[in-house]
Amino acid sequence: MIWIDYNITQAGGNFRVEGEWPGEVMGLDRQGNPGNKKRPLYQPGDVFIVNKDGWLVKQEELTSLMLTYESKKSTLSGQ
């Protein structure tokens, strides 16, 4: 897949992919609601590691581990 309708904005060592509206690449519609996009480019909590060829490789197990940790941390702290 070639992404031609998106911009990449960099600020220091951070960057993000921007679509026509905020959240488009994360599967949100123009009103900010979860859209019908079956495979968003990325979503909050995703973790990627860059390989030697420059590919960002999504780390499903690490993402799950981090989300589980955060939910348990919230439960334990009473939030």
Protein backbone atom coordinates (compact mmCIF):
# COMPACT_ATOMS: atom_id res chain seq x y z
CA MET A 1 0.00 0.00 0.00
CA ILE A 2 1.29 3.45 -0.88
CA TRP A 3 0.13 6.31 1.33
CA ILE A 4 0.01 9.45 -0.80
CA ASP A 5 -2.70 11.50 0.91
CA TYR A 6 -0.90 11.86 4.24
CA ASN A 7 1.73 14.21 5.66
CA ILE A 8 4.47 13.41 8.12
CA THR A 9 5.17 16.14 10.68
CA GLN A 10 8.34 15.98 12.76
CA ALA A 11 9.07 17.81 16.02
CA GLY A 12 12.53 16.97 17.37
CA GLY A 13 12.81 13.19 17.57
CA ASN A 14 9.04 12.69 17.36
CA PHE A 15 6.83 12.47 14.32
CA ARG A 16 3.23 11.79 13.40
CA VAL A 17 1.29 10.96 10.29
CA GLU A 18 -1.52 13.40 9.54
CA GLY A 19 -4.50 12.84 7.29
CA GLU A 20 -7.21 15.17 6.08
CA TRP A 21 -8.64 15.49 9.61
CA PRO A 22 -7.32 14.81 13.14
CA GLY A 23 -7.44 11.10 13.95
CA GLU A 24 -8.04 9.90 10.37
CA VAL A 25 -4.99 7.60 10.40
CA MET A 26 -6.19 6.18 13.74
CA GLY A 27 -9.56 5.17 12.27
CA LEU A 28 -11.65 8.13 13.45
CA ASP A 29 -14.26 9.80 11.25
CA ARG A 30 -14.38 13.58 10.72
CA GLN A 31 -16.40 14.02 13.94
CA GLY A 32 -13.81 12.11 16.00
CA ASN A 33 -15.92 8.96 16.33
CA PRO A 34 -14.61 5.47 15.67
CA GLY A 35 -15.05 5.06 11.94
CA ASN A 36 -15.53 2.05 9.76
CA LYS A 37 -11.83 1.73 8.99
CA LYS A 38 -10.97 -1.91 9.61
CA ARG A 39 -7.22 -1.40 9.82
CA PRO A 40 -6.15 2.01 11.10
CA LEU A 41 -2.52 2.91 10.46
CA TYR A 42 -1.95 3.07 14.22
CA GLN A 43 -3.87 3.76 17.40
CA PRO A 44 -3.09 4.90 20.97
CA GLY A 45 -0.98 2.34 22.80
CA ASP A 46 0.64 0.83 19.70
CA VAL A 47 4.37 0.11 19.97
CA PHE A 48 6.68 -0.12 16.96
CA ILE A 49 10.34 -1.03 16.62
CA VAL A 50 12.33 0.12 13.58
CA ASN A 51 14.23 -2.72 11.91
CA LYS A 52 17.52 -2.44 10.00
CA ASP A 53 15.67 -1.77 6.73
CA GLY A 54 13.71 1.16 8.18
CA TRP A 55 10.39 -0.65 8.57
CA LEU A 56 8.31 0.18 11.64
CA VAL A 57 7.31 -3.25 12.95
CA LYS A 58 4.28 -3.32 15.25
CA GLN A 59 4.94 -5.17 18.51
CA GLU A 60 1.61 -6.75 19.44
CA GLU A 61 2.87 -8.57 22.54
CA LEU A 62 4.58 -5.50 23.98
CA THR A 63 1.50 -3.38 23.31
CA SER A 64 -0.70 -5.91 25.14
CA LEU A 65 1.74 -6.08 28.03
CA MET A 66 1.82 -2.29 28.41
CA LEU A 67 -1.97 -1.92 28.22
CA THR A 68 -2.45 -4.67 30.81
CA TYR A 69 0.10 -3.00 33.10
CA GLU A 70 -1.58 0.40 32.77
CA SER A 71 -5.04 -1.01 33.54
CA LYS A 72 -3.75 -2.84 36.62
CA LYS A 73 -1.86 0.24 37.76
CA SER A 74 -5.06 2.32 37.56
CA THR A 75 -7.00 -0.34 39.49
CA LEU A 76 -4.39 -0.56 42.23
CA SER A 77 -4.14 3.20 42.67
CA GLY A 78 -7.93 3.54 42.90
CA GLN A 79 -8.30 5.71 39.80
